[in-house]
Amino acid sequence: MIDINTVMLVGRAGQNPEIKYYENGKTKAYFNLAVDRPRSTPDAEIQTDWFRIELWGRQAEVANEYIKKGSLVGVRGRLEF
């Protein structure tokens, strides 16, 4: 099954993930991801979009352990506004 609201992003972490532990046992991590838009010409100015990435559970713990500011990160998920 293909989810209509699926995105794949590749960019650099703008900060170390911040992790939060809740009393109910859930874990949440979040960080900002900088994704450069493709350039129309080689000399075009670089445009960067920023996304706030939110991870839960085991993925949050793994992100907290391995992702550092400037790390190249690939994310597959969905957009929420």
Protein backbone atom coordinates (compact mmCIF):
# COMPACT_ATOMS: atom_id res chain seq x y z
CA MET A 1 0.00 0.00 0.00
CA ILE A 2 1.31 3.45 -0.92
CA ASP A 3 0.56 6.32 1.42
CA ILE A 4 -0.30 9.50 -0.47
CA ASN A 5 1.43 11.69 2.13
CA THR A 6 4.91 10.15 1.96
CA VAL A 7 8.09 12.24 1.71
CA MET A 8 11.75 11.32 1.51
CA LEU A 9 14.28 13.93 2.58
CA VAL A 10 18.06 13.94 2.52
CA GLY A 11 19.89 16.76 4.22
CA ARG A 12 22.09 17.80 7.11
CA ALA A 13 21.08 17.98 10.75
CA GLY A 14 21.00 21.59 11.91
CA GLN A 15 21.50 20.59 15.56
CA ASN A 16 21.99 17.60 17.78
CA PRO A 17 18.65 15.88 18.43
CA GLU A 18 16.83 16.90 21.58
CA ILE A 19 15.31 13.93 23.40
CA LYS A 20 12.42 13.87 25.80
CA TYR A 21 11.28 11.01 28.02
CA TYR A 22 7.65 10.93 29.12
CA GLU A 23 6.22 9.40 32.28
CA ASN A 24 4.19 6.91 30.21
CA GLY A 25 7.44 5.41 28.88
CA LYS A 26 7.38 7.02 25.44
CA THR A 27 10.46 8.69 23.99
CA LYS A 28 10.52 11.57 21.52
CA ALA A 29 13.46 13.14 19.68
CA TYR A 30 13.40 16.11 17.37
CA PHE A 31 15.85 18.12 15.31
CA ASN A 32 15.92 20.43 12.30
CA LEU A 33 16.97 19.14 8.88
CA ALA A 34 18.38 21.44 6.17
CA VAL A 35 17.55 20.26 2.65
CA ASP A 36 19.05 22.10 -0.34
CA ARG A 37 16.76 22.55 -3.34
CA PRO A 38 18.08 21.36 -6.71
CA ARG A 39 19.71 24.19 -8.67
CA SER A 40 18.36 25.20 -12.08
CA THR A 41 21.89 26.11 -13.24
CA PRO A 42 25.32 25.36 -11.75
CA ASP A 43 25.85 29.02 -10.79
CA ALA A 44 22.37 29.51 -9.27
CA GLU A 45 22.12 30.51 -5.62
CA ILE A 46 21.60 27.66 -3.16
CA GLN A 47 18.16 27.65 -1.54
CA THR A 48 17.65 25.67 1.65
CA ASP A 49 14.39 24.41 3.13
CA TRP A 50 14.23 23.55 6.83
CA PHE A 51 12.13 20.72 8.23
CA ARG A 52 11.46 19.87 11.86
CA ILE A 53 11.91 16.12 12.21
CA GLU A 54 10.12 14.29 15.03
CA LEU A 55 10.88 10.67 15.92
CA TRP A 56 9.29 8.39 18.52
CA GLY A 57 10.27 5.25 20.39
CA ARG A 58 13.33 3.27 19.32
CA GLN A 59 13.93 5.56 16.32
CA ALA A 60 14.21 8.50 18.71
CA GLU A 61 16.80 6.68 20.80
CA VAL A 62 18.84 5.68 17.74
CA ALA A 63 18.73 9.24 16.38
CA ASN A 64 19.91 10.61 19.71
CA GLU A 65 22.84 8.20 19.69
CA TYR A 66 24.03 8.61 16.09
CA ILE A 67 22.90 11.97 14.68
CA LYS A 68 25.04 15.00 15.43
CA LYS A 69 24.91 18.55 14.08
CA GLY A 70 26.04 18.46 10.41
CA SER A 71 25.38 14.72 9.95
CA LEU A 72 23.98 13.66 6.60
CA VAL A 73 20.54 12.21 7.31
CA GLY A 74 17.93 10.46 5.19
CA VAL A 75 14.34 10.46 6.43
CA ARG A 76 11.18 8.82 5.14
CA GLY A 77 7.91 9.91 6.69
CA ARG A 78 4.89 12.13 6.29
CA LEU A 79 4.31 15.87 6.40
CA GLU A 80 2.21 17.46 9.11
CA PHE A 81 1.27 21.10 9.26
